Amino acid sequence: MVVRHHGLDAEDLAAIGIARTPATRLSCALQLCCLRYPGRHLRAGERLLAIMLDHIADQVGVDAGVIVDLRGVHRPATISLPPSKPGLVLPI
């Protein structure tokens, strides 16, 4: 299910690639994938399955730990994303 719903094509990767930092690239990719399935944006503090995070991070070429580094916590089986900032616009 993760591979089917959270695959990124060349156009997606090009849009994500303009983000400046690895954490921002991964955050953009996560938002894009969640907009496609389950069809909404990630909410502040929402927990994701580690397998989903790993799959998307592999496609973007970023270590999945960069999201955890933003929170300063160890990586569990599920992960909470940092709260989103008001007015954040993704380069999609």
C-alpha atoms as a PDB file:
ATOM      1  CA  MET A   1       0.000   0.000   0.000  1.00  0.00           C
ATOM      2  CA  VAL A   2       2.797   2.450   0.839  1.00  0.00           C
ATOM      3  CA  VAL A   3       4.495   2.019  -2.543  1.00  0.00           C
ATOM      4  CA  ARG A   4       1.216   2.329  -4.450  1.00  0.00           C
ATOM      5  CA  HIS A   5      -0.004   5.468  -2.680  1.00  0.00           C
ATOM      6  CA  HIS A   6       3.240   7.286  -1.973  1.00  0.00           C
ATOM      7  CA  GLY A   7       5.297   7.046  -5.144  1.00  0.00           C
ATOM      8  CA  LEU A   8       6.956  10.197  -6.500  1.00  0.00           C
ATOM      9  CA  ASP A   9       7.609  10.756 -10.212  1.00  0.00           C
ATOM     10  CA  ALA A  10      10.319  12.883 -11.859  1.00  0.00           C
ATOM     11  CA  GLU A  11       8.127  16.005 -11.854  1.00  0.00           C
ATOM     12  CA  ASP A  12       7.412  15.600  -8.133  1.00  0.00           C
ATOM     13  CA  LEU A  13      11.099  15.120  -7.351  1.00  0.00           C
ATOM     14  CA  ALA A  14      12.016  18.217  -9.399  1.00  0.00           C
ATOM     15  CA  ALA A  15       9.526  20.341  -7.435  1.00  0.00           C
ATOM     16  CA  ILE A  16      10.705  18.903  -4.110  1.00  0.00           C
ATOM     17  CA  GLY A  17      14.356  19.344  -5.093  1.00  0.00           C
ATOM     18  CA  ILE A  18      14.163  23.146  -5.018  1.00  0.00           C
ATOM     19  CA  ALA A  19      13.706  23.113  -1.240  1.00  0.00           C
ATOM     20  CA  ARG A  20      16.859  24.304   0.486  1.00  0.00           C
ATOM     21  CA  THR A  21      17.433  21.809   3.295  1.00  0.00           C
ATOM     22  CA  PRO A  22      17.010  18.017   3.528  1.00  0.00           C
ATOM     23  CA  ALA A  23      14.361  18.455   6.234  1.00  0.00           C
ATOM     24  CA  THR A  24      12.387  20.843   4.032  1.00  0.00           C
ATOM     25  CA  ARG A  25      12.648  18.521   1.028  1.00  0.00           C
ATOM     26  CA  LEU A  26      11.355  15.619   3.091  1.00  0.00           C
ATOM     27  CA  SER A  27       8.587  17.731   4.623  1.00  0.00           C
ATOM     28  CA  CYS A  28       7.439  18.843   1.163  1.00  0.00           C
ATOM     29  CA  ALA A  29       7.442  15.253  -0.072  1.00  0.00           C
ATOM     30  CA  LEU A  30       5.446  14.073   2.945  1.00  0.00           C
ATOM     31  CA  GLN A  31       2.840  16.797   2.452  1.00  0.00           C
ATOM     32  CA  LEU A  32       2.566  16.038  -1.261  1.00  0.00           C
ATOM     33  CA  CYS A  33       2.102  12.325  -0.651  1.00  0.00           C
ATOM     34  CA  CYS A  34      -0.511  12.903   2.052  1.00  0.00           C
ATOM     35  CA  LEU A  35      -2.408  15.330  -0.185  1.00  0.00           C
ATOM     36  CA  ARG A  36      -2.721  12.499  -2.699  1.00  0.00           C
ATOM     37  CA  TYR A  37      -3.565   9.809  -0.159  1.00  0.00           C
ATOM     38  CA  PRO A  38      -5.435  10.074   2.181  1.00  0.00           C
ATOM     39  CA  GLY A  39      -6.360  13.340   0.411  1.00  0.00           C
ATOM     40  CA  ARG A  40      -5.544  15.956   3.031  1.00  0.00           C
ATOM     41  CA  HIS A  41      -2.563  17.805   4.497  1.00  0.00           C
ATOM     42  CA  LEU A  42      -0.657  16.586   7.516  1.00  0.00           C
ATOM     43  CA  ARG A  43      -1.902  18.067  10.746  1.00  0.00           C
ATOM     44  CA  ALA A  44       0.361  19.408  13.488  1.00  0.00           C
ATOM     45  CA  GLY A  45       1.514  16.536  15.681  1.00  0.00           C
ATOM     46  CA  GLU A  46       0.095  13.886  13.349  1.00  0.00           C
ATOM     47  CA  ARG A  47       1.821  10.519  13.565  1.00  0.00           C
ATOM     48  CA  LEU A  48       3.067   8.692  10.478  1.00  0.00           C
ATOM     49  CA  LEU A  49       4.093   5.090  10.077  1.00  0.00           C
ATOM     50  CA  ALA A  50       7.865   4.704   9.992  1.00  0.00           C
ATOM     51  CA  ILE A  51       7.605   2.564   6.842  1.00  0.00           C
ATOM     52  CA  MET A  52       5.855   5.438   5.045  1.00  0.00           C
ATOM     53  CA  LEU A  53       8.466   7.928   6.196  1.00  0.00           C
ATOM     54  CA  ASP A  54      11.311   5.617   5.148  1.00  0.00           C
ATOM     55  CA  HIS A  55       9.813   4.983   1.705  1.00  0.00           C
ATOM     56  CA  ILE A  56       9.323   8.678   0.947  1.00  0.00           C
ATOM     57  CA  ALA A  57      12.735   9.627   2.367  1.00  0.00           C
ATOM     58  CA  ASP A  58      14.414   7.010   0.153  1.00  0.00           C
ATOM     59  CA  GLN A  59      12.781   8.478  -2.943  1.00  0.00           C
ATOM     60  CA  VAL A  60      13.872  12.001  -2.041  1.00  0.00           C
ATOM     61  CA  GLY A  61      17.380  10.858  -1.117  1.00  0.00           C
ATOM     62  CA  VAL A  62      17.175  12.201   2.419  1.00  0.00           C
ATOM     63  CA  ASP A  63      17.785  10.461   5.729  1.00  0.00           C
ATOM     64  CA  ALA A  64      14.413  10.031   7.468  1.00  0.00           C
ATOM     65  CA  GLY A  65      16.099  11.099  10.705  1.00  0.00           C
ATOM     66  CA  VAL A  66      16.132  14.755   9.641  1.00  0.00           C
ATOM     67  CA  ILE A  67      12.488  15.014  10.693  1.00  0.00           C
ATOM     68  CA  VAL A  68      13.328  13.551  14.090  1.00  0.00           C
ATOM     69  CA  ASP A  69      16.258  15.937  14.432  1.00  0.00           C
ATOM     70  CA  LEU A  70      13.779  18.804  14.232  1.00  0.00           C
ATOM     71  CA  ARG A  71      11.977  17.411  17.266  1.00  0.00           C
ATOM     72  CA  GLY A  72      15.019  16.281  19.225  1.00  0.00           C
ATOM     73  CA  VAL A  73      13.530  12.872  19.997  1.00  0.00           C
ATOM     74  CA  HIS A  74      14.427   9.283  19.170  1.00  0.00           C
ATOM     75  CA  ARG A  75      12.698   7.701  16.198  1.00  0.00           C
ATOM     76  CA  PRO A  76       9.870   5.348  17.267  1.00  0.00           C
ATOM     77  CA  ALA A  77       7.788   2.987  15.090  1.00  0.00           C
ATOM     78  CA  THR A  78       5.558   5.983  14.335  1.00  0.00           C
ATOM     79  CA  ILE A  79       6.719   9.558  14.196  1.00  0.00           C
ATOM     80  CA  SER A  80       5.233  12.958  14.950  1.00  0.00           C
ATOM     81  CA  LEU A  81       5.965  15.807  12.603  1.00  0.00           C
ATOM     82  CA  PRO A  82       6.786  19.246  13.940  1.00  0.00           C
ATOM     83  CA  PRO A  83       3.843  21.653  14.041  1.00  0.00           C
ATOM     84  CA  SER A  84       3.321  23.414  10.727  1.00  0.00           C
ATOM     85  CA  LYS A  85       3.874  27.136  10.488  1.00  0.00           C
ATOM     86  CA  PRO A  86       0.949  29.375   9.487  1.00  0.00           C
ATOM     87  CA  GLY A  87       1.236  30.552   5.902  1.00  0.00           C
ATOM     88  CA  LEU A  88       3.597  27.759   4.838  1.00  0.00           C
ATOM     89  CA  VAL A  89       3.373  27.277   1.080  1.00  0.00           C
ATOM     90  CA  LEU A  90       4.837  24.159  -0.503  1.00  0.00           C
ATOM     91  CA  PRO A  91       6.573  24.442  -3.889  1.00  0.00           C
ATOM     92  CA  ILE A  92       4.223  22.078  -5.682  1.00  0.00           C
END
